[in-house]
């Protein structure tokens, strides 16, 4: 069996690869894993260091928009796990061109190549942000798409492309939509690693607006477990929400992070709210639970504590990233 993992040197993709190589997914016990990654600022081969010596792993540096390369890698591939994406909302607000190029055109390039190669399964990894914002209740998979940022609009576009390849060409595609991920190896522009690493360095953390925006938190290990369930048993053409079951306001999350690092509220700097900042996300995971047996397994208290500990013990991983990207502020 051959698995092509796009964006496999990024945060979530590399976790999936490490798990697959280490035997966490028995169905992939003897699979050849090919990682295709452009190694933009958020991707690094160091994320694959724990499994780099495994003979089943092959790394290819390249762009998912490169049609010839993608077509070559698709030949003989049984499963595509498509993680590659530009994914930071703030960056998309500053400039959306890269998001459209990678998330839309790149996904179309992959879908076409997978169709031509008659790939057995294509899992397109998306986000709950395509739904927009919800005041109460939780989104089911058939909810209308109302993206509010250039990032989420580009992901919604790629979701619709994936759906069209399923309906038009019969490509066995599944789309997954996850809530906010956290865990080790997450690039320190996202809120949890940004706040933790700032606090470890004695620097303040920026809190948007009133801090009452709500997010559902999902440990990356639970997310990847859910993705593997979809890869193995998801019905072609279907969408599956993957959530963590822990909703917190940004203020509540900040309080927990301050406590975990031993800091007080004086380390928080209020900043102007993000443009078009969605108020609340919440996904209904009933479908993936009833069909595939998914439920989150990592308790948030335990998962957050382990994540904070990982960053405190792995300065050699994140310090060069923050120094290079100047990510000590917003």
Protein backbone atom coordinates (compact mmCIF):
# COMPACT_ATOMS: atom_id res chain seq x y z
CA UNK A 1 0.00 0.00 0.00
CA UNK A 2 1.22 3.49 -0.83
CA UNK A 3 0.04 6.62 0.98
CA UNK A 4 0.72 10.15 -0.28
CA UNK A 5 0.65 12.72 2.53
CA UNK A 6 0.62 16.32 1.33
CA UNK A 7 1.87 18.85 3.87
CA UNK A 8 3.37 15.97 5.80
CA UNK A 9 6.09 18.15 7.32
CA UNK A 10 3.59 20.54 8.88
CA UNK A 11 1.99 20.36 12.31
CA UNK A 12 -0.94 18.00 11.73
CA UNK A 13 0.50 16.17 8.73
CA UNK A 14 3.74 15.31 10.50
CA UNK A 15 1.82 13.98 13.49
CA UNK A 16 -0.15 11.71 11.17
CA UNK A 17 3.08 10.50 9.55
CA UNK A 18 4.81 9.86 12.87
CA UNK A 19 1.80 7.90 14.08
CA UNK A 20 1.53 5.91 10.86
CA UNK A 21 5.20 4.96 10.86
CA UNK A 22 5.21 4.09 14.56
CA UNK A 23 2.36 1.60 14.17
CA UNK A 24 -0.57 3.54 15.62
CA UNK A 25 -2.68 2.70 12.56
CA UNK A 26 -2.57 -1.08 11.96
CA UNK A 27 -4.07 -0.73 8.47
CA UNK A 28 -0.89 1.10 7.45
CA UNK A 29 1.46 -1.39 9.07
CA UNK A 30 3.40 -2.11 5.89
CA UNK A 31 2.49 1.00 3.91
CA UNK A 32 4.97 3.14 2.02
CA UNK A 33 4.49 6.74 3.16
CA UNK A 34 5.41 9.51 0.71
CA UNK A 35 5.47 13.02 2.15
CA UNK A 36 5.09 15.89 -0.31
CA UNK A 37 5.83 19.25 1.28
CA UNK A 38 6.98 22.60 -0.07
CA UNK A 39 8.65 23.45 3.27
CA UNK A 40 7.23 26.93 3.54
CA UNK A 41 7.81 28.80 6.80
CA UNK A 42 5.46 26.49 8.78
CA UNK A 43 6.83 23.16 7.52
CA UNK A 44 10.09 21.54 8.55
CA UNK A 45 11.78 18.19 8.05
CA UNK A 46 12.72 18.33 11.73
CA UNK A 47 9.06 17.52 12.46
CA UNK A 48 9.76 14.11 10.93
CA UNK A 49 13.05 13.49 12.72
CA UNK A 50 11.63 10.82 15.06
CA UNK A 51 10.80 8.59 12.05
CA UNK A 52 13.27 9.89 9.47
CA UNK A 53 15.30 6.69 9.36
CA UNK A 54 12.39 4.39 8.60
CA UNK A 55 12.75 2.76 5.15
CA UNK A 56 9.02 3.09 4.50
CA UNK A 57 9.19 6.89 4.59
CA UNK A 58 10.12 8.95 1.54
CA UNK A 59 10.28 12.74 1.61
CA UNK A 60 9.74 14.82 -1.53
CA UNK A 61 10.18 18.57 -1.45
CA UNK A 62 7.74 20.06 -3.90
CA UNK A 63 4.65 22.14 -4.55
CA UNK A 64 1.13 20.69 -4.80
CA UNK A 65 0.58 23.14 -7.67
CA UNK A 66 3.28 21.37 -9.70
CA UNK A 67 1.11 19.25 -11.97
CA UNK A 68 3.90 17.08 -13.40
CA UNK A 69 5.34 16.24 -9.99
CA UNK A 70 1.93 15.54 -8.49
CA UNK A 71 0.96 13.30 -11.41
CA UNK A 72 4.17 11.33 -11.01
CA UNK A 73 3.63 10.80 -7.28
CA UNK A 74 -0.01 9.80 -7.75
CA UNK A 75 0.83 6.84 -9.95
CA UNK A 76 0.54 3.71 -7.82
CA UNK A 77 -0.88 5.61 -4.84
CA UNK A 78 -3.73 3.97 -2.93
CA UNK A 79 -4.56 6.69 -0.41
CA UNK A 80 -4.09 10.47 -0.41
CA UNK A 81 -4.15 12.36 2.88
CA UNK A 82 -4.32 16.02 1.86
CA UNK A 83 -3.10 18.28 4.69
CA UNK A 84 -1.17 20.87 2.66
CA UNK A 85 -2.64 24.35 3.08
CA UNK A 86 -1.98 27.92 3.99
CA UNK A 87 -3.85 28.06 7.29
CA UNK A 88 -3.29 31.22 9.33
CA UNK A 89 -6.23 33.62 9.37
CA UNK A 90 -4.19 36.72 10.23
CA UNK A 91 -1.82 36.09 7.32
CA UNK A 92 -4.79 35.65 4.97
CA UNK A 93 -6.15 39.04 6.04
CA UNK A 94 -2.82 40.67 5.22
CA UNK A 95 -2.71 38.97 1.80
CA UNK A 96 -4.97 36.30 0.33
CA UNK A 97 -3.20 35.40 -2.93
CA UNK A 98 -1.09 32.56 -1.51
CA UNK A 99 -4.18 31.09 0.15
CA UNK A 100 -6.11 30.96 -3.10
CA UNK A 101 -3.12 29.56 -4.97
CA UNK A 102 -2.29 26.76 -2.53
CA UNK A 103 -5.68 25.92 -1.07
CA UNK A 104 -7.74 26.15 -4.25
CA UNK A 105 -5.46 25.61 -7.24
CA UNK A 106 -3.25 23.19 -5.32
CA UNK A 107 -6.24 21.10 -4.27
CA UNK A 108 -7.57 21.07 -7.84
CA UNK A 109 -4.19 19.87 -9.09
CA UNK A 110 -4.19 17.02 -6.59
CA UNK A 111 -7.79 16.04 -7.29
CA UNK A 112 -7.23 15.90 -11.04
CA UNK A 113 -4.08 13.82 -10.67
CA UNK A 114 -5.81 11.47 -8.24
CA UNK A 115 -8.68 11.08 -10.66
CA UNK A 116 -6.33 10.34 -13.56
CA UNK A 117 -4.40 7.80 -11.46
CA UNK A 118 -7.60 6.15 -10.15
CA UNK A 119 -6.54 6.56 -6.53
CA UNK A 120 -8.52 4.40 -4.12
CA UNK A 121 -9.29 7.07 -1.48
CA UNK A 122 -8.72 10.80 -1.10
CA UNK A 123 -9.17 12.45 2.31
CA UNK A 124 -9.38 16.23 2.06
CA UNK A 125 -8.58 17.83 5.43
CA UNK A 126 -10.56 21.02 5.98
CA UNK A 127 -11.73 23.24 8.84
CA UNK A 128 -14.84 24.16 10.81
CA UNK A 129 -14.16 27.78 9.84
CA UNK A 130 -15.88 27.20 6.48
CA UNK A 131 -19.22 27.28 8.34
CA UNK A 132 -18.74 30.83 9.57
CA UNK A 133 -19.89 31.64 13.11
CA UNK A 134 -22.66 30.08 15.20
CA UNK A 135 -24.35 31.70 18.22
CA UNK A 136 -25.73 28.50 19.75
CA UNK A 137 -25.86 24.81 18.99
CA UNK A 138 -23.40 23.00 16.72
CA UNK A 139 -22.93 22.67 12.98
CA UNK A 140 -23.84 19.44 11.25
CA UNK A 141 -22.13 18.54 7.99
CA UNK A 142 -25.04 19.75 5.83
CA UNK A 143 -24.94 23.30 7.20
CA UNK A 144 -24.54 26.09 4.64
CA UNK A 145 -20.99 27.37 4.12
CA UNK A 146 -20.54 30.99 5.22
CA UNK A 147 -16.77 31.62 5.48
CA UNK A 148 -15.78 35.02 6.84
CA UNK A 149 -12.02 35.22 6.23
CA UNK A 150 -9.96 34.82 3.06
CA UNK A 151 -8.46 31.68 4.63
CA UNK A 152 -11.80 30.03 5.36
CA UNK A 153 -13.17 31.11 1.98
CA UNK A 154 -10.26 29.41 0.24
CA UNK A 155 -10.87 26.24 2.25
CA UNK A 156 -14.59 26.31 1.49
CA UNK A 157 -13.71 26.61 -2.20
CA UNK A 158 -11.44 23.58 -1.96
CA UNK A 159 -14.19 21.63 -0.17
CA UNK A 160 -16.56 22.33 -3.04
CA UNK A 161 -13.93 21.27 -5.57
CA UNK A 162 -13.50 18.00 -3.70
CA UNK A 163 -17.26 17.47 -3.72
CA UNK A 164 -17.42 18.16 -7.45
CA UNK A 165 -14.75 15.57 -8.22
CA UNK A 166 -16.74 13.02 -6.26
CA UNK A 167 -20.03 13.83 -7.96
CA UNK A 168 -18.71 14.39 -11.48
CA UNK A 169 -15.91 11.86 -11.80
CA UNK A 170 -16.66 9.38 -9.06
CA UNK A 171 -13.38 10.05 -7.24
CA UNK A 172 -13.72 8.48 -3.75
CA UNK A 173 -13.24 11.69 -1.77
CA UNK A 174 -14.08 12.33 1.87
CA UNK A 175 -13.96 15.84 3.34
CA UNK A 176 -13.20 16.34 7.03
CA UNK A 177 -13.77 19.54 8.99
CA UNK A 178 -11.92 19.85 12.28
CA UNK A 179 -12.05 22.27 15.17
CA UNK A 180 -9.00 24.08 16.59
CA UNK A 181 -6.02 21.74 16.94
CA UNK A 182 -3.31 21.88 19.59
CA UNK A 183 -0.33 19.72 20.53
CA UNK A 184 3.45 19.40 20.00
CA UNK A 185 5.23 20.69 16.90
CA UNK A 186 2.58 23.38 16.20
CA UNK A 187 4.15 26.43 14.57
CA UNK A 188 4.31 29.28 17.13
CA UNK A 189 2.03 31.66 15.28
CA UNK A 190 -1.07 29.84 16.55
CA UNK A 191 -2.49 30.92 19.88
CA UNK A 192 -1.45 28.09 22.23
CA UNK A 193 2.21 27.79 21.18
CA UNK A 194 2.50 31.56 20.74
CA UNK A 195 1.21 32.25 24.24
CA UNK A 196 3.19 29.44 25.86
CA UNK A 197 6.48 30.37 24.25
CA UNK A 198 6.00 34.09 24.92
CA UNK A 199 5.27 33.39 28.59
CA UNK A 200 8.26 31.07 28.89
CA UNK A 201 10.38 33.97 27.65
CA UNK A 202 8.76 36.45 30.03
CA UNK A 203 7.01 38.30 27.23
CA UNK A 204 3.36 39.46 27.19
CA UNK A 205 0.65 37.76 25.19
CA UNK A 206 -1.89 39.55 22.97
CA UNK A 207 -5.60 38.96 23.58
CA UNK A 208 -7.99 40.01 20.84
CA UNK A 209 -10.96 42.24 21.71
CA UNK A 210 -12.99 41.21 24.77
CA UNK A 211 -11.56 37.69 24.73
CA UNK A 212 -14.99 36.09 24.58
CA UNK A 213 -14.68 34.40 21.19
CA UNK A 214 -15.32 30.66 21.65
CA UNK A 215 -13.39 27.78 20.10
CA UNK A 216 -13.63 24.00 20.43
CA UNK A 217 -10.22 22.46 21.18
CA UNK A 218 -9.08 19.20 19.59
CA UNK A 219 -5.80 17.44 20.38
CA UNK A 220 -3.86 16.68 17.20
CA UNK A 221 -3.71 12.99 18.14
CA UNK A 222 -7.51 12.77 18.29
CA UNK A 223 -7.75 14.61 14.99
CA UNK A 224 -5.38 12.22 13.24
CA UNK A 225 -7.15 9.22 14.78
CA UNK A 226 -10.41 10.54 13.35
CA UNK A 227 -8.80 11.08 9.96
CA UNK A 228 -7.58 7.50 9.88
CA UNK A 229 -11.09 6.27 10.69
CA UNK A 230 -12.34 8.27 7.70
CA UNK A 231 -9.53 6.95 5.50
CA UNK A 232 -10.47 3.37 6.37
CA UNK A 233 -14.25 3.53 6.60
CA UNK A 234 -15.55 6.91 5.48
CA UNK A 235 -18.19 6.77 2.76
CA UNK A 236 -16.99 8.32 -0.53
CA UNK A 237 -18.53 11.71 -1.16
CA UNK A 238 -19.32 12.31 2.50
CA UNK A 239 -18.25 15.05 4.93
CA UNK A 240 -17.23 14.31 8.52
CA UNK A 241 -16.83 16.83 11.35
CA UNK A 242 -14.05 16.07 13.85
CA UNK A 243 -14.22 17.93 17.16
CA UNK A 244 -12.60 17.79 20.57
CA UNK A 245 -15.58 18.54 22.81
CA UNK A 246 -13.93 21.32 24.85
CA UNK A 247 -15.34 24.79 24.19
CA UNK A 248 -13.53 27.71 25.80
CA UNK A 249 -13.54 31.44 25.36
CA UNK A 250 -10.16 32.87 24.41
CA UNK A 251 -10.09 34.50 27.83
CA UNK A 252 -10.64 31.14 29.56
CA UNK A 253 -7.92 29.56 27.45
CA UNK A 254 -5.56 32.42 28.31
CA UNK A 255 -6.26 31.95 32.03
CA UNK A 256 -5.39 28.25 31.76
CA UNK A 257 -2.17 28.98 29.90
CA UNK A 258 -1.13 31.63 32.43
CA UNK A 259 -1.72 29.14 35.25
CA UNK A 260 0.20 26.39 33.44
CA UNK A 261 3.29 28.59 33.08
CA UNK A 262 2.92 30.23 36.50
CA UNK A 263 2.14 33.75 35.30
CA UNK A 264 -0.47 36.36 36.21
CA UNK A 265 -2.91 38.46 34.20
CA UNK A 266 -0.37 41.31 34.06
CA UNK A 267 1.27 39.35 31.21
CA UNK A 268 -1.80 39.91 28.97
CA UNK A 269 -1.92 42.84 26.56
CA UNK A 270 -5.37 43.64 25.11
CA UNK A 271 -5.20 44.33 21.38
CA UNK A 272 -7.72 45.49 18.79
CA UNK A 273 -9.95 42.70 17.56
CA UNK A 274 -9.17 40.81 14.36
CA UNK A 275 -11.08 41.91 11.26
CA UNK A 276 -14.16 39.74 10.73
CA UNK A 277 -13.40 37.74 13.88
CA UNK A 278 -15.85 34.82 14.12
CA UNK A 279 -17.53 34.75 17.52
CA UNK A 280 -18.03 31.02 18.08
CA UNK A 281 -17.27 27.68 16.41
CA UNK A 282 -18.87 24.38 17.38
CA UNK A 283 -19.11 21.18 15.35
CA UNK A 284 -21.52 18.29 15.83
CA UNK A 285 -19.54 15.02 15.78
CA UNK A 286 -22.55 12.72 15.85
CA UNK A 287 -22.03 11.50 12.28
CA UNK A 288 -18.42 10.35 12.62
CA UNK A 289 -19.26 8.94 16.02
CA UNK A 290 -22.21 6.83 14.88
CA UNK A 291 -20.70 5.73 11.55
CA UNK A 292 -17.03 5.25 12.45
CA UNK A 293 -16.92 5.06 16.25
CA UNK A 294 -14.97 8.28 16.77
CA UNK A 295 -14.83 10.06 20.09
CA UNK A 296 -12.11 12.32 21.49
CA UNK A 297 -9.73 10.38 23.73
CA UNK A 298 -7.35 13.09 25.02
CA UNK A 299 -8.70 14.95 28.03
CA UNK A 300 -8.09 18.68 27.51
CA UNK A 301 -6.56 19.25 30.95
CA UNK A 302 -4.08 16.43 30.37
CA UNK A 303 -3.46 17.35 26.73
CA UNK A 304 -2.82 21.01 27.51
CA UNK A 305 -0.44 20.18 30.35
CA UNK A 306 1.52 17.80 28.11
CA UNK A 307 1.63 20.40 25.34
CA UNK A 308 2.95 23.11 27.66
CA UNK A 309 5.56 20.67 28.95
CA UNK A 310 6.64 19.80 25.40
CA UNK A 311 7.27 23.45 24.53
CA UNK A 312 9.13 24.03 27.78
CA UNK A 313 11.39 21.07 27.00
CA UNK A 314 11.91 21.77 23.30
CA UNK A 315 13.25 25.29 23.04
CA UNK A 316 15.72 24.11 20.41
CA UNK A 317 12.75 23.44 18.13
CA UNK A 318 10.78 26.66 18.53
CA UNK A 319 13.31 29.36 19.39
CA UNK A 320 14.85 29.49 15.87
CA UNK A 321 11.36 29.60 14.34
CA UNK A 322 10.29 32.57 16.41
CA UNK A 323 13.58 34.38 15.90
CA UNK A 324 13.35 33.93 12.14
CA UNK A 325 9.67 34.86 11.84
CA UNK A 326 9.65 37.57 14.55
CA UNK A 327 6.54 36.01 16.08
CA UNK A 328 6.85 37.41 19.57
CA UNK A 329 3.83 39.70 19.14
CA UNK A 330 0.64 39.37 17.14
